[in-house]
């Protein structure tokens, strides 16, 4: 059983920019062209705030429409582009979101979160080189931007640059200490470099922040299993499925331990369950793995029963 590499969604700034706008009256003494510009900015700000209100009300499509209107009325209004990008990303429209974040960077070249979210969107789109460039620009503007360090760490993970990933996730934890994902992926990176105890500590840190972090419990269970601490590993796998009832890997891991403990009946139950979950999730290779282990366990169970039945009374 190999270490499970679980991808998590990229961290972005999910709090939409709230603007405390006090619109001043426009007096007729202003030149007509300036008056028009001021009116456009006022209307754009109104549209922006309408979008923010729609987000708070869970009306994502209304928010997108309002943010688009704000960007049309005032293309220099960076928060409108930025919030449009966040809303589009929330709606699953990755390329339009990236375009909106890019426009935010053009409207305000010092807007570090816009560069970071653009990098995140490019990462999701597998454009790693551009993602790195924009994430590094974000960190140049704001070295303490935790989620930019995290997203850069994910790029390093994909590139299997484990030392680079460790450095990025450590920085992410430093500047965003309440993010369990950074601690979790730090643990994954430590595992890949053979640093078992630091990995375990990182997974425990993720669980401290989020006590229902199923993947962190699972990887702790995997470490304990490989260390021969089967009862502790089983407890970790149980906590994993308590946190995430359809987590097939944790049931599979529990099955391995039951086999080690010669508790074949229990092993067969959880392996059957794991196999069914893998089938539902379309993980064909793991369906095959579960079936093979299940067949082996059924043979062991049959042999054990035959021995017990043939014992002299």
Foldseek 3Di string as FASTA:
>chain_A
DDQDDDDDAADAPLQQDDDPDDQDDDDPVDPPVVSLLSVLQVQLVVLQVQLNVCVVVVNLVSNLVSLVSSCVSPVLPLSSLQVNLSSCVVVVNLVSSLVSLVSSCVSPVLPLSSLLVNLSSVVVVVVLVSSVVSLVSSCVSPVLPLSSLQSNLVSCVVVVVLVSNLVSLVSSCVNPVLDLVSLQVNLVSCVVVVNNVSSLVSLVSSCVSPVLPLSSLQSNLVSCVVVVVLVSSLVSLVSSCVSPVLPLSSLQSNLVSCVVVLVLVSSLVSLVSSLVSCVVVVVVVVVVVSVVVNVVSVVSVVVVVVVVVPDDD
